[in-house]
């Protein structure tokens, strides 16, 4: 694992986008970081992680993403968690929501 890959992983954890960033997205972000390139993308998760990494992004058809922070909230009982999945309290699905 090269340092750029590690930096992308750390940045995705920081923005809480690890559940939506694919391996290909991570490779693309690492390459852009290595080459000091500009990414053209409408993907808000990629824009969010790129912003933490200092990689410049330009949207194609959508507005540019604002810095987004995610929280994970149970769709049943409303409790907040640090991850998605199934609620340990009521068993409902935990969904990603804007902070």
PDB file of N, CA and C in Angstrom:
ATOM      1  N   UNK A   1       0.858  -1.186   0.000  1.00  0.00           N
ATOM      2  CA  UNK A   1       0.000   0.000   0.000  1.00  0.00           C
ATOM      3  C   UNK A   1       0.891   1.233   0.000  1.00  0.00           C
ATOM      4  N   UNK A   2       0.697   2.095  -0.999  1.00  0.00           N
ATOM      5  CA  UNK A   2       1.520   3.298  -1.067  1.00  0.00           C
ATOM      6  C   UNK A   2       0.934   4.369  -0.149  1.00  0.00           C
ATOM      7  N   UNK A   3       1.720   5.412   0.098  1.00  0.00           N
ATOM      8  CA  UNK A   3       1.295   6.450   1.037  1.00  0.00           C
ATOM      9  C   UNK A   3       0.054   7.195   0.551  1.00  0.00           C
ATOM     10  N   UNK A   4      -0.108   7.358  -0.764  1.00  0.00           N
ATOM     11  CA  UNK A   4      -1.296   8.039  -1.285  1.00  0.00           C
ATOM     12  C   UNK A   4      -2.556   7.234  -0.999  1.00  0.00           C
ATOM     13  N   UNK A   5      -2.475   5.905  -1.154  1.00  0.00           N
ATOM     14  CA  UNK A   5      -3.619   5.048  -0.834  1.00  0.00           C
ATOM     15  C   UNK A   5      -3.991   5.177   0.641  1.00  0.00           C
ATOM     16  N   UNK A   6      -2.982   5.204   1.490  1.00  0.00           N
ATOM     17  CA  UNK A   6      -3.213   5.339   2.925  1.00  0.00           C
ATOM     18  C   UNK A   6      -3.831   6.695   3.245  1.00  0.00           C
ATOM     19  N   UNK A   7      -3.335   7.748   2.596  1.00  0.00           N
ATOM     20  CA  UNK A   7      -3.892   9.085   2.806  1.00  0.00           C
ATOM     21  C   UNK A   7      -5.354   9.156   2.383  1.00  0.00           C
ATOM     22  N   UNK A   8      -5.705   8.498   1.284  1.00  0.00           N
ATOM     23  CA  UNK A   8      -7.095   8.470   0.817  1.00  0.00           C
ATOM     24  C   UNK A   8      -7.969   7.748   1.837  1.00  0.00           C
ATOM     25  N   UNK A   9      -7.492   6.636   2.352  1.00  0.00           N
ATOM     26  CA  UNK A   9      -8.252   5.878   3.349  1.00  0.00           C
ATOM     27  C   UNK A   9      -8.490   6.710   4.607  1.00  0.00           C
ATOM     28  N   UNK A  10      -7.469   7.394   5.069  1.00  0.00           N
ATOM     29  CA  UNK A  10      -7.589   8.242   6.260  1.00  0.00           C
ATOM     30  C   UNK A  10      -8.567   9.382   6.004  1.00  0.00           C
ATOM     31  N   UNK A  11      -8.471  10.005   4.827  1.00  0.00           N
ATOM     32  CA  UNK A  11      -9.372  11.113   4.486  1.00  0.00           C
ATOM     33  C   UNK A  11     -10.819  10.642   4.389  1.00  0.00           C
ATOM     34  N   UNK A  12     -11.044   9.467   3.805  1.00  0.00           N
ATOM     35  CA  UNK A  12     -12.407   8.928   3.686  1.00  0.00           C
ATOM     36  C   UNK A  12     -12.994   8.614   5.057  1.00  0.00           C
ATOM     37  N   UNK A  13     -12.162   8.147   5.980  1.00  0.00           N
ATOM     38  CA  UNK A  13     -12.637   7.907   7.347  1.00  0.00           C
ATOM     39  C   UNK A  13     -12.971   9.227   8.028  1.00  0.00           C
ATOM     40  N   UNK A  14     -12.146  10.229   7.774  1.00  0.00           N
ATOM     41  CA  UNK A  14     -12.371  11.547   8.382  1.00  0.00           C
ATOM     42  C   UNK A  14     -13.695  12.156   7.917  1.00  0.00           C
ATOM     43  N   UNK A  15     -14.016  11.988   6.638  1.00  0.00           N
ATOM     44  CA  UNK A  15     -15.263  12.548   6.099  1.00  0.00           C
ATOM     45  C   UNK A  15     -16.442  11.594   6.249  1.00  0.00           C
ATOM     46  N   UNK A  16     -16.163  10.399   6.747  1.00  0.00           N
ATOM     47  CA  UNK A  16     -17.179   9.347   6.920  1.00  0.00           C
ATOM     48  C   UNK A  16     -17.803   8.919   5.595  1.00  0.00           C
ATOM     49  N   UNK A  17     -16.984   8.885   4.568  1.00  0.00           N
ATOM     50  CA  UNK A  17     -17.430   8.453   3.248  1.00  0.00           C
ATOM     51  C   UNK A  17     -16.953   7.045   2.901  1.00  0.00           C
ATOM     52  N   UNK A  18     -16.386   6.324   3.854  1.00  0.00           N
ATOM     53  CA  UNK A  18     -15.839   4.996   3.560  1.00  0.00           C
ATOM     54  C   UNK A  18     -16.895   4.017   3.064  1.00  0.00           C
ATOM     55  N   UNK A  19     -18.144   4.205   3.471  1.00  0.00           N
ATOM     56  CA  UNK A  19     -19.189   3.255   3.059  1.00  0.00           C
ATOM     57  C   UNK A  19     -19.673   3.498   1.633  1.00  0.00           C
ATOM     58  N   UNK A  20     -19.318   4.631   1.030  1.00  0.00           N
ATOM     59  CA  UNK A  20     -19.784   4.918  -0.332  1.00  0.00           C
ATOM     60  C   UNK A  20     -18.654   5.075  -1.347  1.00  0.00           C
ATOM     61  N   UNK A  21     -17.429   5.151  -0.883  1.00  0.00           N
ATOM     62  CA  UNK A  21     -16.277   5.278  -1.782  1.00  0.00           C
ATOM     63  C   UNK A  21     -15.842   3.877  -2.211  1.00  0.00           C
ATOM     64  N   UNK A  22     -15.790   3.648  -3.515  1.00  0.00           N
ATOM     65  CA  UNK A  22     -15.379   2.336  -4.030  1.00  0.00           C
ATOM     66  C   UNK A  22     -13.855   2.246  -4.103  1.00  0.00           C
ATOM     67  N   UNK A  23     -13.365   1.052  -4.366  1.00  0.00           N
ATOM     68  CA  UNK A  23     -11.921   0.858  -4.532  1.00  0.00           C
ATOM     69  C   UNK A  23     -11.413   1.663  -5.730  1.00  0.00           C
ATOM     70  N   UNK A  24     -12.218   1.718  -6.788  1.00  0.00           N
ATOM     71  CA  UNK A  24     -11.855   2.505  -7.972  1.00  0.00           C
ATOM     72  C   UNK A  24     -11.790   3.989  -7.632  1.00  0.00           C
ATOM     73  N   UNK A  25     -12.755   4.473  -6.838  1.00  0.00           N
ATOM     74  CA  UNK A  25     -12.734   5.869  -6.394  1.00  0.00           C
ATOM     75  C   UNK A  25     -11.454   6.165  -5.622  1.00  0.00           C
ATOM     76  N   UNK A  26     -11.076   5.251  -4.732  1.00  0.00           N
ATOM     77  CA  UNK A  26      -9.853   5.423  -3.938  1.00  0.00           C
ATOM     78  C   UNK A  26      -8.617   5.459  -4.829  1.00  0.00           C
ATOM     79  N   UNK A  27      -8.577   4.567  -5.824  1.00  0.00           N
ATOM     80  CA  UNK A  27      -7.448   4.550  -6.760  1.00  0.00           C
ATOM     81  C   UNK A  27      -7.363   5.856  -7.537  1.00  0.00           C
ATOM     82  N   UNK A  28      -8.512   6.356  -7.973  1.00  0.00           N
ATOM     83  CA  UNK A  28      -8.565   7.611  -8.718  1.00  0.00           C
ATOM     84  C   UNK A  28      -8.096   8.783  -7.857  1.00  0.00           C
ATOM     85  N   UNK A  29      -8.544   8.826  -6.617  1.00  0.00           N
ATOM     86  CA  UNK A  29      -8.125   9.890  -5.699  1.00  0.00           C
ATOM     87  C   UNK A  29      -6.629   9.813  -5.408  1.00  0.00           C
ATOM     88  N   UNK A  30      -6.104   8.599  -5.218  1.00  0.00           N
ATOM     89  CA  UNK A  30      -4.674   8.428  -4.959  1.00  0.00           C
ATOM     90  C   UNK A  30      -3.845   8.873  -6.163  1.00  0.00           C
ATOM     91  N   UNK A  31      -4.304   8.535  -7.357  1.00  0.00           N
ATOM     92  CA  UNK A  31      -3.604   8.941  -8.578  1.00  0.00           C
ATOM     93  C   UNK A  31      -3.622  10.459  -8.740  1.00  0.00           C
ATOM     94  N   UNK A  32      -4.781  11.068  -8.488  1.00  0.00           N
ATOM     95  CA  UNK A  32      -4.886  12.529  -8.577  1.00  0.00           C
ATOM     96  C   UNK A  32      -3.966  13.196  -7.560  1.00  0.00           C
ATOM     97  N   UNK A  33      -3.854  12.599  -6.382  1.00  0.00           N
ATOM     98  CA  UNK A  33      -2.964  13.132  -5.352  1.00  0.00           C
ATOM     99  C   UNK A  33      -1.508  13.021  -5.793  1.00  0.00           C
ATOM    100  N   UNK A  34      -1.127  11.869  -6.344  1.00  0.00           N
ATOM    101  CA  UNK A  34       0.251  11.655  -6.810  1.00  0.00           C
ATOM    102  C   UNK A  34       0.630  12.588  -7.953  1.00  0.00           C
ATOM    103  N   UNK A  35      -0.316  12.819  -8.874  1.00  0.00           N
ATOM    104  CA  UNK A  35      -0.030  13.610 -10.075  1.00  0.00           C
ATOM    105  C   UNK A  35      -0.381  15.088  -9.932  1.00  0.00           C
ATOM    106  N   UNK A  36      -0.901  15.461  -8.758  1.00  0.00           N
ATOM    107  CA  UNK A  36      -1.361  16.832  -8.541  1.00  0.00           C
ATOM    108  C   UNK A  36      -2.358  17.232  -9.634  1.00  0.00           C
ATOM    109  N   UNK A  37      -3.294  16.320  -9.917  1.00  0.00           N
ATOM    110  CA  UNK A  37      -4.257  16.495 -11.007  1.00  0.00           C
ATOM    111  C   UNK A  37      -5.575  17.069 -10.490  1.00  0.00           C
ATOM    112  N   UNK A  38      -6.375  17.558 -11.422  1.00  0.00           N
ATOM    113  CA  UNK A  38      -7.726  18.039 -11.133  1.00  0.00           C
ATOM    114  C   UNK A  38      -8.703  16.925 -11.489  1.00  0.00           C
ATOM    115  N   UNK A  39      -9.663  16.659 -10.616  1.00  0.00           N
ATOM    116  CA  UNK A  39     -10.687  15.647 -10.885  1.00  0.00           C
ATOM    117  C   UNK A  39     -11.971  16.324 -11.345  1.00  0.00           C
ATOM    118  N   UNK A  40     -12.516  15.856 -12.445  1.00  0.00           N
ATOM    119  CA  UNK A  40     -13.819  16.312 -12.931  1.00  0.00           C
ATOM    120  C   UNK A  40     -14.835  15.262 -12.508  1.00  0.00           C
ATOM    121  N   UNK A  41     -15.708  15.622 -11.567  1.00  0.00           N
ATOM    122  CA  UNK A  41     -16.670  14.654 -11.038  1.00  0.00           C
ATOM    123  C   UNK A  41     -17.866  15.355 -10.413  1.00  0.00           C
ATOM    124  N   UNK A  42     -19.010  14.701 -10.502  1.00  0.00           N
ATOM    125  CA  UNK A  42     -20.213  15.168  -9.819  1.00  0.00           C
ATOM    126  C   UNK A  42     -20.457  14.387  -8.530  1.00  0.00           C
ATOM    127  N   UNK A  43     -19.607  13.425  -8.239  1.00  0.00           N
ATOM    128  CA  UNK A  43     -19.764  12.580  -7.059  1.00  0.00           C
ATOM    129  C   UNK A  43     -19.385  13.366  -5.800  1.00  0.00           C
ATOM    130  N   UNK A  44     -20.381  13.613  -4.935  1.00  0.00           N
ATOM    131  CA  UNK A  44     -20.139  14.411  -3.735  1.00  0.00           C
ATOM    132  C   UNK A  44     -19.158  13.736  -2.780  1.00  0.00           C
ATOM    133  N   UNK A  45     -19.197  12.421  -2.675  1.00  0.00           N
ATOM    134  CA  UNK A  45     -18.278  11.717  -1.779  1.00  0.00           C
ATOM    135  C   UNK A  45     -16.834  11.887  -2.254  1.00  0.00           C
ATOM    136  N   UNK A  46     -16.618  11.770  -3.556  1.00  0.00           N
ATOM    137  CA  UNK A  46     -15.268  11.967  -4.101  1.00  0.00           C
ATOM    138  C   UNK A  46     -14.824  13.408  -3.880  1.00  0.00           C
ATOM    139  N   UNK A  47     -15.718  14.367  -4.130  1.00  0.00           N
ATOM    140  CA  UNK A  47     -15.382  15.774  -3.910  1.00  0.00           C
ATOM    141  C   UNK A  47     -15.044  16.030  -2.442  1.00  0.00           C
ATOM    142  N   UNK A  48     -15.786  15.404  -1.556  1.00  0.00           N
ATOM    143  CA  UNK A  48     -15.586  15.583  -0.122  1.00  0.00           C
ATOM    144  C   UNK A  48     -14.212  15.069   0.309  1.00  0.00           C
ATOM    145  N   UNK A  49     -13.872  13.856  -0.106  1.00  0.00           N
ATOM    146  CA  UNK A  49     -12.576  13.268   0.247  1.00  0.00           C
ATOM    147  C   UNK A  49     -11.444  14.046  -0.430  1.00  0.00           C
ATOM    148  N   UNK A  50     -11.648  14.422  -1.677  1.00  0.00           N
ATOM    149  CA  UNK A  50     -10.633  15.200  -2.402  1.00  0.00           C
ATOM    150  C   UNK A  50     -10.345  16.516  -1.689  1.00  0.00           C
ATOM    151  N   UNK A  51     -11.375  17.145  -1.152  1.00  0.00           N
ATOM    152  CA  UNK A  51     -11.193  18.401  -0.428  1.00  0.00           C
ATOM    153  C   UNK A  51     -10.293  18.248   0.781  1.00  0.00           C
ATOM    154  N   UNK A  52     -10.440  17.150   1.500  1.00  0.00           N
ATOM    155  CA  UNK A  52      -9.588  16.883   2.658  1.00  0.00           C
ATOM    156  C   UNK A  52      -8.150  16.637   2.211  1.00  0.00           C
ATOM    157  N   UNK A  53      -7.993  15.989   1.056  1.00  0.00           N
ATOM    158  CA  UNK A  53      -6.656  15.674   0.533  1.00  0.00           C
ATOM    159  C   UNK A  53      -5.981  16.866  -0.133  1.00  0.00           C
ATOM    160  N   UNK A  54      -6.747  17.911  -0.412  1.00  0.00           N
ATOM    161  CA  UNK A  54      -6.201  19.061  -1.130  1.00  0.00           C
ATOM    162  C   UNK A  54      -6.186  18.867  -2.632  1.00  0.00           C
ATOM    163  N   UNK A  55      -6.963  17.901  -3.129  1.00  0.00           N
ATOM    164  CA  UNK A  55      -7.079  17.657  -4.568  1.00  0.00           C
ATOM    165  C   UNK A  55      -8.211  18.527  -5.102  1.00  0.00           C
ATOM    166  N   UNK A  56      -7.933  19.292  -6.136  1.00  0.00           N
ATOM    167  CA  UNK A  56      -8.939  20.187  -6.714  1.00  0.00           C
ATOM    168  C   UNK A  56      -9.946  19.385  -7.532  1.00  0.00           C
ATOM    169  N   UNK A  57     -11.234  19.723  -7.375  1.00  0.00           N
ATOM    170  CA  UNK A  57     -12.287  19.075  -8.156  1.00  0.00           C
ATOM    171  C   UNK A  57     -13.104  20.123  -8.887  1.00  0.00           C
ATOM    172  N   UNK A  58     -13.609  19.738 -10.046  1.00  0.00           N
ATOM    173  CA  UNK A  58     -14.499  20.587 -10.836  1.00  0.00           C
ATOM    174  C   UNK A  58     -15.723  19.747 -11.183  1.00  0.00           C
ATOM    175  N   UNK A  59     -16.925  20.235 -10.821  1.00  0.00           N
ATOM    176  CA  UNK A  59     -18.136  19.480 -11.155  1.00  0.00           C
ATOM    177  C   UNK A  59     -18.425  19.530 -12.651  1.00  0.00           C
ATOM    178  N   UNK A  60     -19.105  18.509 -13.163  1.00  0.00           N
ATOM    179  CA  UNK A  60     -19.432  18.436 -14.585  1.00  0.00           C
ATOM    180  C   UNK A  60     -20.810  19.028 -14.849  1.00  0.00           C
ATOM    181  N   UNK A  61     -21.843  18.491 -14.206  1.00  0.00           N
ATOM    182  CA  UNK A  61     -23.215  18.954 -14.417  1.00  0.00           C
ATOM    183  C   UNK A  61     -23.889  19.454 -13.150  1.00  0.00           C
ATOM    184  N   UNK A  62     -23.339  19.154 -12.009  1.00  0.00           N
ATOM    185  CA  UNK A  62     -23.951  19.507 -10.728  1.00  0.00           C
ATOM    186  C   UNK A  62     -23.196  20.663 -10.090  1.00  0.00           C
ATOM    187  N   UNK A  63     -23.785  21.186  -9.020  1.00  0.00           N
ATOM    188  CA  UNK A  63     -23.084  22.204  -8.242  1.00  0.00           C
ATOM    189  C   UNK A  63     -21.929  21.535  -7.500  1.00  0.00           C
ATOM    190  N   UNK A  64     -20.961  22.321  -7.107  1.00  0.00           N
ATOM    191  CA  UNK A  64     -19.839  21.799  -6.334  1.00  0.00           C
ATOM    192  C   UNK A  64     -20.328  21.461  -4.927  1.00  0.00           C
ATOM    193  N   UNK A  65     -19.844  20.369  -4.396  1.00  0.00           N
ATOM    194  CA  UNK A  65     -20.246  19.940  -3.056  1.00  0.00           C
ATOM    195  C   UNK A  65     -19.665  20.877  -2.006  1.00  0.00           C
ATOM    196  N   UNK A  66     -20.465  21.156  -1.001  1.00  0.00           N
ATOM    197  CA  UNK A  66     -19.956  21.846   0.176  1.00  0.00           C
ATOM    198  C   UNK A  66     -19.283  20.786   1.032  1.00  0.00           C
ATOM    199  N   UNK A  67     -18.495  21.220   1.986  1.00  0.00           N
ATOM    200  CA  UNK A  67     -17.892  20.241   2.890  1.00  0.00           C
ATOM    201  C   UNK A  67     -19.027  19.558   3.630  1.00  0.00           C
ATOM    202  N   UNK A  68     -19.092  18.261   3.499  1.00  0.00           N
ATOM    203  CA  UNK A  68     -20.199  17.499   4.056  1.00  0.00           C
ATOM    204  C   UNK A  68     -19.695  16.645   5.216  1.00  0.00           C
ATOM    205  N   UNK A  69     -20.444  16.652   6.292  1.00  0.00           N
ATOM    206  CA  UNK A  69     -20.163  15.776   7.424  1.00  0.00           C
ATOM    207  C   UNK A  69     -21.362  14.865   7.611  1.00  0.00           C
ATOM    208  N   UNK A  70     -21.094  13.594   7.785  1.00  0.00           N
ATOM    209  CA  UNK A  70     -22.158  12.604   7.887  1.00  0.00           C
ATOM    210  C   UNK A  70     -22.325  12.124   9.316  1.00  0.00           C
ATOM    211  N   UNK A  71     -23.547  11.799   9.645  1.00  0.00           N
ATOM    212  CA  UNK A  71     -23.877  11.096  10.883  1.00  0.00           C
ATOM    213  C   UNK A  71     -24.674   9.870  10.481  1.00  0.00           C
ATOM    214  N   UNK A  72     -24.733   8.906  11.352  1.00  0.00           N
ATOM    215  CA  UNK A  72     -25.488   7.690  11.090  1.00  0.00           C
ATOM    216  C   UNK A  72     -26.603   7.595  12.123  1.00  0.00           C
ATOM    217  N   UNK A  73     -27.846   7.545  11.623  1.00  0.00           N
ATOM    218  CA  UNK A  73     -29.008   7.572  12.505  1.00  0.00           C
ATOM    219  C   UNK A  73     -29.908   6.370  12.239  1.00  0.00           C
ATOM    220  N   UNK A  74     -30.376   5.779  13.317  1.00  0.00           N
ATOM    221  CA  UNK A  74     -31.286   4.642  13.219  1.00  0.00           C
ATOM    222  C   UNK A  74     -32.629   5.117  12.681  1.00  0.00           C
ATOM    223  N   UNK A  75     -33.144   4.416  11.681  1.00  0.00           N
ATOM    224  CA  UNK A  75     -34.425   4.789  11.078  1.00  0.00           C
ATOM    225  C   UNK A  75     -35.603   4.416  11.976  1.00  0.00           C
ATOM    226  N   UNK A  76     -35.365   3.596  12.991  1.00  0.00           N
ATOM    227  CA  UNK A  76     -36.429   3.184  13.900  1.00  0.00           C
ATOM    228  C   UNK A  76     -36.495   4.026  15.158  1.00  0.00           C
ATOM    229  N   UNK A  77     -35.435   3.976  15.969  1.00  0.00           N
ATOM    230  CA  UNK A  77     -35.462   4.649  17.274  1.00  0.00           C
ATOM    231  C   UNK A  77     -34.827   6.035  17.255  1.00  0.00           C
ATOM    232  N   UNK A  78     -34.129   6.396  16.178  1.00  0.00           N
ATOM    233  CA  UNK A  78     -33.558   7.738  16.053  1.00  0.00           C
ATOM    234  C   UNK A  78     -32.219   7.941  16.729  1.00  0.00           C
ATOM    235  N   UNK A  79     -31.640   6.904  17.306  1.00  0.00           N
ATOM    236  CA  UNK A  79     -30.336   7.054  17.956  1.00  0.00           C
ATOM    237  C   UNK A  79     -29.243   7.245  16.903  1.00  0.00           C
ATOM    238  N   UNK A  80     -28.160   7.928  17.301  1.00  0.00           N
ATOM    239  CA  UNK A  80     -27.033   8.173  16.408  1.00  0.00           C
ATOM    240  C   UNK A  80     -25.918   7.174  16.687  1.00  0.00           C
ATOM    241  N   UNK A  81     -25.229   6.775  15.618  1.00  0.00           N
ATOM    242  CA  UNK A  81     -24.130   5.822  15.703  1.00  0.00           C
ATOM    243  C   UNK A  81     -22.952   6.332  14.879  1.00  0.00           C
ATOM    244  N   UNK A  82     -21.804   5.665  15.002  1.00  0.00           N
ATOM    245  CA  UNK A  82     -20.599   6.018  14.245  1.00  0.00           C
ATOM    246  C   UNK A  82     -20.467   5.209  12.966  1.00  0.00           C
ATOM    247  N   UNK A  83     -21.471   4.393  12.640  1.00  0.00           N
ATOM    248  CA  UNK A  83     -21.379   3.493  11.488  1.00  0.00           C
ATOM    249  C   UNK A  83     -22.773   3.188  10.971  1.00  0.00           C
ATOM    250  N   UNK A  84     -22.826   2.623   9.766  1.00  0.00           N
ATOM    251  CA  UNK A  84     -24.115   2.167   9.245  1.00  0.00           C
ATOM    252  C   UNK A  84     -24.294   0.703   9.627  1.00  0.00           C
ATOM    253  N   UNK A  85     -25.406   0.120   9.232  1.00  0.00           N
ATOM    254  CA  UNK A  85     -25.666  -1.279   9.542  1.00  0.00           C
ATOM    255  C   UNK A  85     -27.007  -1.448  10.214  1.00  0.00           C
ATOM    256  N   UNK A  86     -27.033  -2.290  11.238  1.00  0.00           N
ATOM    257  CA  UNK A  86     -28.267  -2.579  11.966  1.00  0.00           C
ATOM    258  C   UNK A  86     -28.160  -2.048  13.392  1.00  0.00           C
ATOM    259  N   UNK A  87     -29.217  -1.397  13.860  1.00  0.00           N
ATOM    260  CA  UNK A  87     -29.259  -0.831  15.209  1.00  0.00           C
ATOM    261  C   UNK A  87     -29.207  -1.949  16.250  1.00  0.00           C
ATOM    262  N   UNK A  88     -28.312  -1.795  17.216  1.00  0.00           N
ATOM    263  CA  UNK A  88     -28.182  -2.779  18.288  1.00  0.00           C
ATOM    264  C   UNK A  88     -29.316  -2.661  19.301  1.00  0.00           C
ATOM    265  N   UNK A  89     -30.020  -1.529  19.292  1.00  0.00           N
ATOM    266  CA  UNK A  89     -31.098  -1.291  20.248  1.00  0.00           C
ATOM    267  C   UNK A  89     -32.422  -1.859  19.745  1.00  0.00           C
ATOM    268  N   UNK A  90     -32.813  -1.462  18.508  1.00  0.00           N
ATOM    269  CA  UNK A  90     -34.143  -1.861  18.017  1.00  0.00           C
ATOM    270  C   UNK A  90     -34.107  -2.757  16.776  1.00  0.00           C
ATOM    271  N   UNK A  91     -32.937  -2.922  16.160  1.00  0.00           N
ATOM    272  CA  UNK A  91     -32.817  -3.801  15.001  1.00  0.00           C
ATOM    273  C   UNK A  91     -33.131  -3.165  13.659  1.00  0.00           C
ATOM    274  N   UNK A  92     -33.472  -1.868  13.656  1.00  0.00           N
ATOM    275  CA  UNK A  92     -33.771  -1.179  12.397  1.00  0.00           C
ATOM    276  C   UNK A  92     -32.486  -0.834  11.657  1.00  0.00           C
ATOM    277  N   UNK A  93     -32.630  -0.374  10.437  1.00  0.00           N
ATOM    278  CA  UNK A  93     -31.484  -0.010   9.605  1.00  0.00           C
ATOM    279  C   UNK A  93     -30.941   1.352  10.028  1.00  0.00           C
ATOM    280  N   UNK A  94     -29.611   1.444  10.145  1.00  0.00           N
ATOM    281  CA  UNK A  94     -28.944   2.715  10.423  1.00  0.00           C
ATOM    282  C   UNK A  94     -28.600   3.337   9.081  1.00  0.00           C
ATOM    283  N   UNK A  95     -29.036   4.579   8.873  1.00  0.00           N
ATOM    284  CA  UNK A  95     -28.836   5.258   7.596  1.00  0.00           C
ATOM    285  C   UNK A  95     -27.904   6.448   7.752  1.00  0.00           C
ATOM    286  N   UNK A  96     -27.187   6.738   6.683  1.00  0.00           N
ATOM    287  CA  UNK A  96     -26.285   7.877   6.649  1.00  0.00           C
ATOM    288  C   UNK A  96     -27.090   9.143   6.389  1.00  0.00           C
ATOM    289  N   UNK A  97     -26.872  10.175   7.196  1.00  0.00           N
ATOM    290  CA  UNK A  97     -27.586  11.444   7.072  1.00  0.00           C
ATOM    291  C   UNK A  97     -26.591  12.591   7.118  1.00  0.00           C
ATOM    292  N   UNK A  98     -26.951  13.700   6.486  1.00  0.00           N
ATOM    293  CA  UNK A  98     -26.130  14.898   6.604  1.00  0.00           C
ATOM    294  C   UNK A  98     -26.157  15.398   8.035  1.00  0.00           C
ATOM    295  N   UNK A  99     -25.022  15.854   8.506  1.00  0.00           N
ATOM    296  CA  UNK A  99     -24.921  16.378   9.868  1.00  0.00           C
ATOM    297  C   UNK A  99     -25.594  17.716   9.961  1.00  0.00           C
TER     298      UNK A  99
END
